[in-house]
Structure formats: C-alpha cells, structure tokens
Amino acid sequence: MKHDDIKAIADLAKLSFSGDDVERFAKQFDDIVSYVGVLSTLDIDDVAPQTHVHDTVNVLRDDVAGESLTTAEALANAPKKNEAFFKVPKVL
C-alpha cells in the first residue's frame, strides 16, 4: 500500500501519523490485504448461503392474559404518584 493511501485513510479517520508510523501501517495493511486474499482460494461451491451461523429458532410462548397487579398494588412503593399513574420528571 502506498504512503499516500495511508495518509488519505488517516485523514478520513481524523488521525495523524509520523513517517515511521506510515511505513509501519503500510506494511500492516499489505499483510491484511494479503491475508484476505487467501479467502479467494477457498472452494465454496457446495456451501449454501446463510443468514446466520446457527440454526437456532426463537422459541416463544403463547401470549396469554393472566393475573396481574392492581393499580393500587403497582403504585404502592412508587415515590411519586397520583390516583392512577407514576409521576416522573418531565423529559424534553
């Protein structure tokens, strides 16, 4: 990778590098690109496209109404309340 490319990437990321850093990062970028190039050598003809690596399926229960707290029970420990609601600070 060219030094100008490294400097352009650094500018996009709002970073500044010394000359030694640019040289070191150029080598590291070249190593990364070479390693990623290994992926093109893999035989993936028999691999089906996937949307997720696991075949896990959500297990959901039926939504059945059941017993719940009364309004008085729900508000019993609230620090601020009125007849039927929790009182909270105004959020703008």
C-alpha atoms as a PDB file:
ATOM      1  CA  MET A   1       0.000   0.000   0.000  1.00  0.00           C
ATOM      2  CA  LYS A   2       1.327   3.427  -0.906  1.00  0.00           C
ATOM      3  CA  HIS A   3       2.158   6.051   1.696  1.00  0.00           C
ATOM      4  CA  ASP A   4      -0.331   8.432   0.075  1.00  0.00           C
ATOM      5  CA  ASP A   5      -3.071   5.833   0.579  1.00  0.00           C
ATOM      6  CA  ILE A   6      -2.187   5.525   4.260  1.00  0.00           C
ATOM      7  CA  LYS A   7      -2.241   9.311   4.670  1.00  0.00           C
ATOM      8  CA  ALA A   8      -5.616   9.519   2.894  1.00  0.00           C
ATOM      9  CA  ILE A   9      -7.088   6.854   5.174  1.00  0.00           C
ATOM     10  CA  ALA A  10      -5.626   8.646   8.198  1.00  0.00           C
ATOM     11  CA  ASP A  11      -7.225  11.915   7.055  1.00  0.00           C
ATOM     12  CA  LEU A  12     -10.601  10.202   6.701  1.00  0.00           C
ATOM     13  CA  ALA A  13     -10.240   8.826  10.229  1.00  0.00           C
ATOM     14  CA  LYS A  14      -9.035  12.219  11.530  1.00  0.00           C
ATOM     15  CA  LEU A  15      -5.680  10.694  12.543  1.00  0.00           C
ATOM     16  CA  SER A  16      -2.151  11.933  12.058  1.00  0.00           C
ATOM     17  CA  PHE A  17       0.878   9.660  11.790  1.00  0.00           C
ATOM     18  CA  SER A  18       4.603  10.255  11.835  1.00  0.00           C
ATOM     19  CA  GLY A  19       6.746   8.991   8.959  1.00  0.00           C
ATOM     20  CA  ASP A  20       7.685   5.833  10.877  1.00  0.00           C
ATOM     21  CA  ASP A  21       4.017   5.120  11.628  1.00  0.00           C
ATOM     22  CA  VAL A  22       3.072   5.478   7.967  1.00  0.00           C
ATOM     23  CA  GLU A  23       5.752   2.962   6.991  1.00  0.00           C
ATOM     24  CA  ARG A  24       4.641   0.507   9.681  1.00  0.00           C
ATOM     25  CA  PHE A  25       0.934   0.836   8.803  1.00  0.00           C
ATOM     26  CA  ALA A  26       1.676   0.398   5.084  1.00  0.00           C
ATOM     27  CA  LYS A  27       3.309  -2.958   5.900  1.00  0.00           C
ATOM     28  CA  GLN A  28       0.420  -3.970   8.175  1.00  0.00           C
ATOM     29  CA  PHE A  29      -2.197  -3.045   5.561  1.00  0.00           C
ATOM     30  CA  ASP A  30      -0.337  -5.064   2.946  1.00  0.00           C
ATOM     31  CA  ASP A  31      -0.280  -8.050   5.317  1.00  0.00           C
ATOM     32  CA  ILE A  32      -4.028  -7.720   5.959  1.00  0.00           C
ATOM     33  CA  VAL A  33      -4.889  -7.473   2.271  1.00  0.00           C
ATOM     34  CA  SER A  34      -2.695 -10.494   1.525  1.00  0.00           C
ATOM     35  CA  TYR A  35      -4.384 -12.498   4.261  1.00  0.00           C
ATOM     36  CA  VAL A  36      -7.854 -11.571   2.990  1.00  0.00           C
ATOM     37  CA  GLY A  37      -6.711 -12.694  -0.460  1.00  0.00           C
ATOM     38  CA  VAL A  38      -6.447 -16.218   0.933  1.00  0.00           C
ATOM     39  CA  LEU A  39     -10.251 -16.283   1.093  1.00  0.00           C
ATOM     40  CA  SER A  40     -10.474 -16.179  -2.701  1.00  0.00           C
ATOM     41  CA  THR A  41      -8.664 -19.531  -2.858  1.00  0.00           C
ATOM     42  CA  LEU A  42     -11.346 -21.351  -0.836  1.00  0.00           C
ATOM     43  CA  ASP A  43     -13.736 -23.724  -2.604  1.00  0.00           C
ATOM     44  CA  ILE A  44     -17.225 -22.578  -1.612  1.00  0.00           C
ATOM     45  CA  ASP A  45     -19.208 -24.101  -4.491  1.00  0.00           C
ATOM     46  CA  ASP A  46     -21.034 -26.549  -2.218  1.00  0.00           C
ATOM     47  CA  VAL A  47     -21.679 -24.068   0.594  1.00  0.00           C
ATOM     48  CA  ALA A  48     -25.241 -22.773   0.829  1.00  0.00           C
ATOM     49  CA  PRO A  49     -25.768 -19.067   1.539  1.00  0.00           C
ATOM     50  CA  GLN A  50     -26.597 -18.406   5.173  1.00  0.00           C
ATOM     51  CA  THR A  51     -28.157 -15.548   7.049  1.00  0.00           C
ATOM     52  CA  HIS A  52     -26.835 -16.740  10.400  1.00  0.00           C
ATOM     53  CA  VAL A  53     -24.186 -19.196  11.535  1.00  0.00           C
ATOM     54  CA  HIS A  54     -26.567 -21.062  13.872  1.00  0.00           C
ATOM     55  CA  ASP A  55     -29.808 -22.817  13.036  1.00  0.00           C
ATOM     56  CA  THR A  56     -31.353 -21.560  16.265  1.00  0.00           C
ATOM     57  CA  VAL A  57     -35.043 -20.692  16.060  1.00  0.00           C
ATOM     58  CA  ASN A  58     -36.845 -18.475  18.545  1.00  0.00           C
ATOM     59  CA  VAL A  59     -38.927 -20.426  20.999  1.00  0.00           C
ATOM     60  CA  LEU A  60     -41.804 -18.227  22.050  1.00  0.00           C
ATOM     61  CA  ARG A  61     -44.650 -18.939  24.390  1.00  0.00           C
ATOM     62  CA  ASP A  62     -48.271 -18.070  23.662  1.00  0.00           C
ATOM     63  CA  ASP A  63     -49.309 -14.626  24.849  1.00  0.00           C
ATOM     64  CA  VAL A  64     -51.988 -15.447  27.387  1.00  0.00           C
ATOM     65  CA  ALA A  65     -53.507 -12.860  29.700  1.00  0.00           C
ATOM     66  CA  GLY A  66     -53.126 -13.802  33.322  1.00  0.00           C
ATOM     67  CA  GLU A  67     -53.327 -12.455  36.814  1.00  0.00           C
ATOM     68  CA  SER A  68     -51.658  -9.065  37.298  1.00  0.00           C
ATOM     69  CA  LEU A  69     -51.228  -6.360  39.898  1.00  0.00           C
ATOM     70  CA  THR A  70     -54.000  -3.942  40.686  1.00  0.00           C
ATOM     71  CA  THR A  71     -53.302  -0.253  40.179  1.00  0.00           C
ATOM     72  CA  ALA A  72     -53.023   0.234  43.952  1.00  0.00           C
ATOM     73  CA  GLU A  73     -50.504  -2.633  44.257  1.00  0.00           C
ATOM     74  CA  ALA A  74     -48.401  -1.334  41.368  1.00  0.00           C
ATOM     75  CA  LEU A  75     -48.284   2.172  42.850  1.00  0.00           C
ATOM     76  CA  ALA A  76     -47.751   1.033  46.452  1.00  0.00           C
ATOM     77  CA  ASN A  77     -43.950   1.626  46.515  1.00  0.00           C
ATOM     78  CA  ALA A  78     -43.773   4.467  43.993  1.00  0.00           C
ATOM     79  CA  PRO A  79     -42.065   7.554  45.451  1.00  0.00           C
ATOM     80  CA  LYS A  80     -44.328   9.910  43.454  1.00  0.00           C
ATOM     81  CA  LYS A  81     -47.767   9.048  42.147  1.00  0.00           C
ATOM     82  CA  ASN A  82     -51.287  10.304  41.710  1.00  0.00           C
ATOM     83  CA  GLU A  83     -54.501   8.292  41.669  1.00  0.00           C
ATOM     84  CA  ALA A  84     -53.592   6.046  38.740  1.00  0.00           C
ATOM     85  CA  PHE A  85     -50.138   6.971  37.406  1.00  0.00           C
ATOM     86  CA  PHE A  86     -46.446   7.077  38.293  1.00  0.00           C
ATOM     87  CA  LYS A  87     -45.174  10.641  38.372  1.00  0.00           C
ATOM     88  CA  VAL A  88     -41.790  11.170  36.725  1.00  0.00           C
ATOM     89  CA  PRO A  89     -39.692  14.229  35.868  1.00  0.00           C
ATOM     90  CA  LYS A  90     -40.553  15.939  32.594  1.00  0.00           C
ATOM     91  CA  VAL A  91     -38.246  14.919  29.751  1.00  0.00           C
ATOM     92  CA  LEU A  92     -37.807  17.299  26.861  1.00  0.00           C
END
